[in-house]
C-alpha cells in the first residue's frame, strides 16, 4: 500500500509539472502574439483558441490530484469544527469516499463527452485557421480520474490503517501551512 502511495505521489508531482508547463507555454504564446502584433503587425492565428482549449484546461484540471494530495482544496467547516476531533476525522474520511464517487461519475461523463468530441473531430475556426480542439476535452477525465484514484487510495489507507505513501515535501508542507494561515487570518478578520 505504501509503494502505491509513493507512486501516486510521484505521478501527482508530474501532473503538477505539466500544469506549470502549460502556464509557461501560455505566457510565452500570449507574449509572442502581443509583441508580434504591436511591433510587426502580425498575429499568431488561434491564440485565443489555444489558450482557452488547451493551456487553461491543462493548467486547471490536470493538477487536481496534487491539490488533493496536499489536502489543499477549499473546505468549509461550519458545523464539523464543533464536533469532537475523532468524529471530525472519521467524517472527513467518509467524505473522501463520497467525493470519489461523485468525481467518478464526473470522470465517466467527461470521458464520454471527450469521446464524442473526438468522433466528430471537434475544431474551431479562428482567423481563417481551423484548430482541432478535441484533445483538450480529454484533460478533464484525466485530471478528475487521477483525483479519484488518490481519493480512493486515501480512503483505503483510512480503512486499513496502513501507512500512507503520499509524500509531502517540506516545501509543500510550508505552502500548505501558509495557505491555511491565510484562510484563518481571513476568518479572524470577518469575526471581528
C-alpha atoms as a PDB file:
ATOM      1  CA  UNK A   1       0.000   0.000   0.000  1.00  0.00           C
ATOM      2  CA  UNK A   2       2.842   2.379   0.868  1.00  0.00           C
ATOM      3  CA  UNK A   3       4.559   1.774  -2.502  1.00  0.00           C
ATOM      4  CA  UNK A   4       1.347   2.568  -4.335  1.00  0.00           C
ATOM      5  CA  UNK A   5       1.137   5.840  -2.426  1.00  0.00           C
ATOM      6  CA  UNK A   6       4.733   6.717  -3.303  1.00  0.00           C
ATOM      7  CA  UNK A   7       3.986   6.012  -6.974  1.00  0.00           C
ATOM      8  CA  UNK A   8       0.818   8.143  -6.822  1.00  0.00           C
ATOM      9  CA  UNK A   9       2.805  10.890  -5.148  1.00  0.00           C
ATOM     10  CA  UNK A  10       5.341  10.952  -7.980  1.00  0.00           C
ATOM     11  CA  UNK A  11       2.553  10.853 -10.560  1.00  0.00           C
ATOM     12  CA  UNK A  12       0.730  13.802  -8.993  1.00  0.00           C
ATOM     13  CA  UNK A  13       4.007  15.720  -8.844  1.00  0.00           C
ATOM     14  CA  UNK A  14       4.449  15.072 -12.579  1.00  0.00           C
ATOM     15  CA  UNK A  15       0.943  16.308 -13.365  1.00  0.00           C
ATOM     16  CA  UNK A  16       1.718  19.498 -11.483  1.00  0.00           C
ATOM     17  CA  UNK A  17       4.805  19.935 -13.626  1.00  0.00           C
ATOM     18  CA  UNK A  18       2.625  19.509 -16.731  1.00  0.00           C
ATOM     19  CA  UNK A  19       0.223  22.153 -15.400  1.00  0.00           C
ATOM     20  CA  UNK A  20       3.115  24.524 -14.738  1.00  0.00           C
ATOM     21  CA  UNK A  21       4.482  23.960 -18.222  1.00  0.00           C
ATOM     22  CA  UNK A  22       1.063  24.763 -19.673  1.00  0.00           C
ATOM     23  CA  UNK A  23       1.078  28.073 -17.786  1.00  0.00           C
ATOM     24  CA  UNK A  24       4.595  28.867 -19.022  1.00  0.00           C
ATOM     25  CA  UNK A  25       3.647  27.985 -22.607  1.00  0.00           C
ATOM     26  CA  UNK A  26       0.529  30.129 -22.328  1.00  0.00           C
ATOM     27  CA  UNK A  27       2.574  33.111 -21.135  1.00  0.00           C
ATOM     28  CA  UNK A  28       5.102  32.685 -23.951  1.00  0.00           C
ATOM     29  CA  UNK A  29       2.372  32.248 -26.576  1.00  0.00           C
ATOM     30  CA  UNK A  30       0.413  35.317 -25.468  1.00  0.00           C
ATOM     31  CA  UNK A  31       3.581  37.418 -25.115  1.00  0.00           C
ATOM     32  CA  UNK A  32       4.750  36.428 -28.595  1.00  0.00           C
ATOM     33  CA  UNK A  33       1.317  37.245 -30.017  1.00  0.00           C
ATOM     34  CA  UNK A  34       1.248  40.682 -28.361  1.00  0.00           C
ATOM     35  CA  UNK A  35       4.817  41.563 -29.373  1.00  0.00           C
ATOM     36  CA  UNK A  36       4.309  40.411 -32.957  1.00  0.00           C
ATOM     37  CA  UNK A  37       1.000  42.257 -33.193  1.00  0.00           C
ATOM     38  CA  UNK A  38       2.266  45.594 -31.911  1.00  0.00           C
ATOM     39  CA  UNK A  39       5.793  45.563 -33.360  1.00  0.00           C
ATOM     40  CA  UNK A  40       5.308  43.827 -36.716  1.00  0.00           C
ATOM     41  CA  UNK A  41       1.501  43.914 -37.175  1.00  0.00           C
ATOM     42  CA  UNK A  42       1.485  40.104 -37.384  1.00  0.00           C
ATOM     43  CA  UNK A  43      -0.852  37.921 -35.342  1.00  0.00           C
ATOM     44  CA  UNK A  44      -0.392  34.306 -34.373  1.00  0.00           C
ATOM     45  CA  UNK A  45      -3.513  32.513 -35.619  1.00  0.00           C
ATOM     46  CA  UNK A  46      -5.574  30.783 -32.945  1.00  0.00           C
ATOM     47  CA  UNK A  47      -4.024  32.272 -29.809  1.00  0.00           C
ATOM     48  CA  UNK A  48      -7.359  32.620 -28.022  1.00  0.00           C
ATOM     49  CA  UNK A  49      -8.414  29.122 -29.057  1.00  0.00           C
ATOM     50  CA  UNK A  50      -5.166  27.559 -27.832  1.00  0.00           C
ATOM     51  CA  UNK A  51      -5.309  29.455 -24.539  1.00  0.00           C
ATOM     52  CA  UNK A  52      -8.955  28.566 -23.826  1.00  0.00           C
ATOM     53  CA  UNK A  53      -8.969  24.981 -25.110  1.00  0.00           C
ATOM     54  CA  UNK A  54      -5.515  23.741 -24.197  1.00  0.00           C
ATOM     55  CA  UNK A  55      -3.374  25.799 -21.814  1.00  0.00           C
ATOM     56  CA  UNK A  56      -6.075  26.786 -19.330  1.00  0.00           C
ATOM     57  CA  UNK A  57      -7.736  23.374 -19.339  1.00  0.00           C
ATOM     58  CA  UNK A  58      -4.422  21.602 -18.731  1.00  0.00           C
ATOM     59  CA  UNK A  59      -3.368  24.063 -16.009  1.00  0.00           C
ATOM     60  CA  UNK A  60      -6.729  23.746 -14.259  1.00  0.00           C
ATOM     61  CA  UNK A  61      -7.685  20.083 -14.426  1.00  0.00           C
ATOM     62  CA  UNK A  62      -4.522  18.008 -14.771  1.00  0.00           C
ATOM     63  CA  UNK A  63      -3.045  19.015 -11.342  1.00  0.00           C
ATOM     64  CA  UNK A  64      -6.280  18.399  -9.362  1.00  0.00           C
ATOM     65  CA  UNK A  65      -4.847  15.264  -7.729  1.00  0.00           C
ATOM     66  CA  UNK A  66      -1.838  17.220  -6.488  1.00  0.00           C
ATOM     67  CA  UNK A  67      -4.098  19.605  -4.581  1.00  0.00           C
ATOM     68  CA  UNK A  68      -5.867  16.582  -3.089  1.00  0.00           C
ATOM     69  CA  UNK A  69      -2.546  15.036  -2.099  1.00  0.00           C
ATOM     70  CA  UNK A  70      -1.789  18.212  -0.116  1.00  0.00           C
ATOM     71  CA  UNK A  71      -5.342  18.435   1.280  1.00  0.00           C
ATOM     72  CA  UNK A  72      -5.353  21.927  -0.239  1.00  0.00           C
ATOM     73  CA  UNK A  73      -8.866  22.014  -1.671  1.00  0.00           C
ATOM     74  CA  UNK A  74     -11.237  24.568  -0.234  1.00  0.00           C
ATOM     75  CA  UNK A  75     -13.269  23.297   2.683  1.00  0.00           C
ATOM     76  CA  UNK A  76     -15.948  24.921   4.788  1.00  0.00           C
ATOM     77  CA  UNK A  77     -16.253  23.571   8.307  1.00  0.00           C
ATOM     78  CA  UNK A  78     -19.115  25.479   9.854  1.00  0.00           C
ATOM     79  CA  UNK A  79     -20.744  22.531  11.632  1.00  0.00           C
ATOM     80  CA  UNK A  80     -17.959  19.957  11.789  1.00  0.00           C
ATOM     81  CA  UNK A  81     -15.479  22.194  13.630  1.00  0.00           C
ATOM     82  CA  UNK A  82     -17.743  21.940  16.694  1.00  0.00           C
ATOM     83  CA  UNK A  83     -17.683  18.129  16.701  1.00  0.00           C
ATOM     84  CA  UNK A  84     -15.164  16.026  18.652  1.00  0.00           C
ATOM     85  CA  UNK A  85     -11.815  15.536  16.865  1.00  0.00           C
ATOM     86  CA  UNK A  86     -12.274  11.775  16.425  1.00  0.00           C
ATOM     87  CA  UNK A  87     -15.690  12.265  14.833  1.00  0.00           C
ATOM     88  CA  UNK A  88     -14.284  15.010  12.585  1.00  0.00           C
ATOM     89  CA  UNK A  89     -11.556  12.649  11.365  1.00  0.00           C
ATOM     90  CA  UNK A  90     -13.991   9.798  10.615  1.00  0.00           C
ATOM     91  CA  UNK A  91     -16.464  12.133   8.926  1.00  0.00           C
ATOM     92  CA  UNK A  92     -13.693  13.688   6.799  1.00  0.00           C
ATOM     93  CA  UNK A  93     -12.541  10.263   5.636  1.00  0.00           C
ATOM     94  CA  UNK A  94     -16.029   9.099   4.720  1.00  0.00           C
ATOM     95  CA  UNK A  95     -16.495  12.338   2.797  1.00  0.00           C
ATOM     96  CA  UNK A  96     -13.354  11.387   0.874  1.00  0.00           C
ATOM     97  CA  UNK A  97     -15.241   8.297  -0.325  1.00  0.00           C
ATOM     98  CA  UNK A  98     -18.312  10.372  -1.212  1.00  0.00           C
ATOM     99  CA  UNK A  99     -16.091  12.773  -3.154  1.00  0.00           C
ATOM    100  CA  UNK A 100     -14.525   9.847  -5.012  1.00  0.00           C
ATOM    101  CA  UNK A 101     -17.947   8.546  -6.030  1.00  0.00           C
ATOM    102  CA  UNK A 102     -19.154  11.946  -7.246  1.00  0.00           C
ATOM    103  CA  UNK A 103     -15.907  12.639  -9.107  1.00  0.00           C
ATOM    104  CA  UNK A 104     -16.060   9.122 -10.537  1.00  0.00           C
ATOM    105  CA  UNK A 105     -19.416   9.944 -12.139  1.00  0.00           C
ATOM    106  CA  UNK A 106     -17.993  13.239 -13.412  1.00  0.00           C
ATOM    107  CA  UNK A 107     -14.977  11.405 -14.846  1.00  0.00           C
ATOM    108  CA  UNK A 108     -17.183   8.989 -16.756  1.00  0.00           C
ATOM    109  CA  UNK A 109     -19.385  11.823 -18.064  1.00  0.00           C
ATOM    110  CA  UNK A 110     -16.421  13.930 -19.222  1.00  0.00           C
ATOM    111  CA  UNK A 111     -14.821  10.838 -20.790  1.00  0.00           C
ATOM    112  CA  UNK A 112     -17.927  10.134 -22.879  1.00  0.00           C
ATOM    113  CA  UNK A 113     -18.072  13.817 -23.832  1.00  0.00           C
ATOM    114  CA  UNK A 114     -14.407  13.717 -24.890  1.00  0.00           C
ATOM    115  CA  UNK A 115     -15.011  10.597 -26.974  1.00  0.00           C
ATOM    116  CA  UNK A 116     -17.930  12.348 -28.663  1.00  0.00           C
ATOM    117  CA  UNK A 117     -15.756  15.355 -29.480  1.00  0.00           C
ATOM    118  CA  UNK A 118     -13.063  13.026 -30.818  1.00  0.00           C
ATOM    119  CA  UNK A 119     -15.515  11.145 -33.030  1.00  0.00           C
ATOM    120  CA  UNK A 120     -16.850  14.360 -34.526  1.00  0.00           C
ATOM    121  CA  UNK A 121     -13.277  15.734 -34.873  1.00  0.00           C
ATOM    122  CA  UNK A 122     -14.247  18.897 -32.967  1.00  0.00           C
ATOM    123  CA  UNK A 123     -12.454  22.028 -34.119  1.00  0.00           C
ATOM    124  CA  UNK A 124     -12.795  25.802 -34.052  1.00  0.00           C
ATOM    125  CA  UNK A 125     -12.039  28.301 -36.762  1.00  0.00           C
ATOM    126  CA  UNK A 126     -10.222  31.443 -35.683  1.00  0.00           C
ATOM    127  CA  UNK A 127      -8.866  33.953 -38.142  1.00  0.00           C
ATOM    128  CA  UNK A 128      -9.353  31.602 -41.062  1.00  0.00           C
ATOM    129  CA  UNK A 129      -7.358  28.846 -39.346  1.00  0.00           C
ATOM    130  CA  UNK A 130      -9.013  25.586 -38.283  1.00  0.00           C
ATOM    131  CA  UNK A 131      -7.732  24.347 -34.916  1.00  0.00           C
ATOM    132  CA  UNK A 132      -8.707  20.933 -33.590  1.00  0.00           C
ATOM    133  CA  UNK A 133      -9.985  21.139 -30.022  1.00  0.00           C
ATOM    134  CA  UNK A 134     -10.964  17.575 -29.177  1.00  0.00           C
ATOM    135  CA  UNK A 135      -7.649  16.679 -27.419  1.00  0.00           C
ATOM    136  CA  UNK A 136      -8.330  19.312 -24.753  1.00  0.00           C
ATOM    137  CA  UNK A 137     -11.542  17.534 -23.768  1.00  0.00           C
ATOM    138  CA  UNK A 138      -9.525  14.530 -22.578  1.00  0.00           C
ATOM    139  CA  UNK A 139      -7.752  16.627 -19.929  1.00  0.00           C
ATOM    140  CA  UNK A 140     -10.881  16.753 -17.749  1.00  0.00           C
ATOM    141  CA  UNK A 141     -11.332  12.990 -17.305  1.00  0.00           C
ATOM    142  CA  UNK A 142      -7.560  12.618 -16.953  1.00  0.00           C
ATOM    143  CA  UNK A 143      -7.331  15.114 -14.103  1.00  0.00           C
ATOM    144  CA  UNK A 144     -10.530  14.041 -12.370  1.00  0.00           C
ATOM    145  CA  UNK A 145      -9.764  10.343 -12.844  1.00  0.00           C
ATOM    146  CA  UNK A 146      -6.379  10.726 -11.179  1.00  0.00           C
ATOM    147  CA  UNK A 147      -8.026  12.605  -8.331  1.00  0.00           C
ATOM    148  CA  UNK A 148     -10.489   9.719  -7.918  1.00  0.00           C
ATOM    149  CA  UNK A 149      -7.553   7.311  -7.662  1.00  0.00           C
ATOM    150  CA  UNK A 150      -5.919   9.487  -4.979  1.00  0.00           C
ATOM    151  CA  UNK A 151      -9.201   9.767  -3.055  1.00  0.00           C
ATOM    152  CA  UNK A 152      -9.810   6.015  -3.154  1.00  0.00           C
ATOM    153  CA  UNK A 153      -6.218   5.426  -2.026  1.00  0.00           C
ATOM    154  CA  UNK A 154      -6.659   7.827   0.914  1.00  0.00           C
ATOM    155  CA  UNK A 155      -9.905   6.103   1.905  1.00  0.00           C
ATOM    156  CA  UNK A 156      -8.272   2.654   1.753  1.00  0.00           C
ATOM    157  CA  UNK A 157      -5.420   3.927   3.930  1.00  0.00           C
ATOM    158  CA  UNK A 158      -8.025   5.154   6.417  1.00  0.00           C
ATOM    159  CA  UNK A 159      -9.910   1.831   6.395  1.00  0.00           C
ATOM    160  CA  UNK A 160      -6.851  -0.382   6.709  1.00  0.00           C
ATOM    161  CA  UNK A 161      -4.783   1.861   8.935  1.00  0.00           C
ATOM    162  CA  UNK A 162      -1.853   1.328   6.569  1.00  0.00           C
ATOM    163  CA  UNK A 163       0.985   3.807   6.306  1.00  0.00           C
ATOM    164  CA  UNK A 164       0.212   6.485   3.705  1.00  0.00           C
ATOM    165  CA  UNK A 165       2.730   6.810   0.917  1.00  0.00           C
ATOM    166  CA  UNK A 166       1.526  10.169  -0.357  1.00  0.00           C
ATOM    167  CA  UNK A 167       4.721  12.023   0.433  1.00  0.00           C
ATOM    168  CA  UNK A 168       4.532  15.722   1.111  1.00  0.00           C
ATOM    169  CA  UNK A 169       7.855  17.541   0.925  1.00  0.00           C
ATOM    170  CA  UNK A 170       8.868  20.237   3.407  1.00  0.00           C
ATOM    171  CA  UNK A 171       8.308  22.925   0.753  1.00  0.00           C
ATOM    172  CA  UNK A 172       4.815  21.557   0.030  1.00  0.00           C
ATOM    173  CA  UNK A 173       4.067  21.388   3.763  1.00  0.00           C
ATOM    174  CA  UNK A 174       5.183  25.016   4.182  1.00  0.00           C
ATOM    175  CA  UNK A 175       3.000  26.095   1.250  1.00  0.00           C
ATOM    176  CA  UNK A 176       0.019  24.224   2.689  1.00  0.00           C
ATOM    177  CA  UNK A 177       0.570  25.808   6.119  1.00  0.00           C
ATOM    178  CA  UNK A 178       0.847  29.255   4.532  1.00  0.00           C
ATOM    179  CA  UNK A 179      -2.431  28.803   2.654  1.00  0.00           C
ATOM    180  CA  UNK A 180      -4.125  27.530   5.813  1.00  0.00           C
ATOM    181  CA  UNK A 181      -2.787  30.502   7.840  1.00  0.00           C
ATOM    182  CA  UNK A 182      -4.028  32.956   5.208  1.00  0.00           C
ATOM    183  CA  UNK A 183      -7.508  31.424   5.272  1.00  0.00           C
ATOM    184  CA  UNK A 184      -7.613  31.530   9.084  1.00  0.00           C
ATOM    185  CA  UNK A 185      -6.452  35.170   9.053  1.00  0.00           C
ATOM    186  CA  UNK A 186      -9.334  35.990   6.719  1.00  0.00           C
ATOM    187  CA  UNK A 187     -11.762  34.224   9.042  1.00  0.00           C
ATOM    188  CA  UNK A 188     -10.441  36.181  12.012  1.00  0.00           C
ATOM    189  CA  UNK A 189     -10.985  39.465  10.194  1.00  0.00           C
ATOM    190  CA  UNK A 190     -14.579  38.502   9.398  1.00  0.00           C
ATOM    191  CA  UNK A 191     -15.360  37.594  13.031  1.00  0.00           C
ATOM    192  CA  UNK A 192     -14.141  40.950  14.395  1.00  0.00           C
END
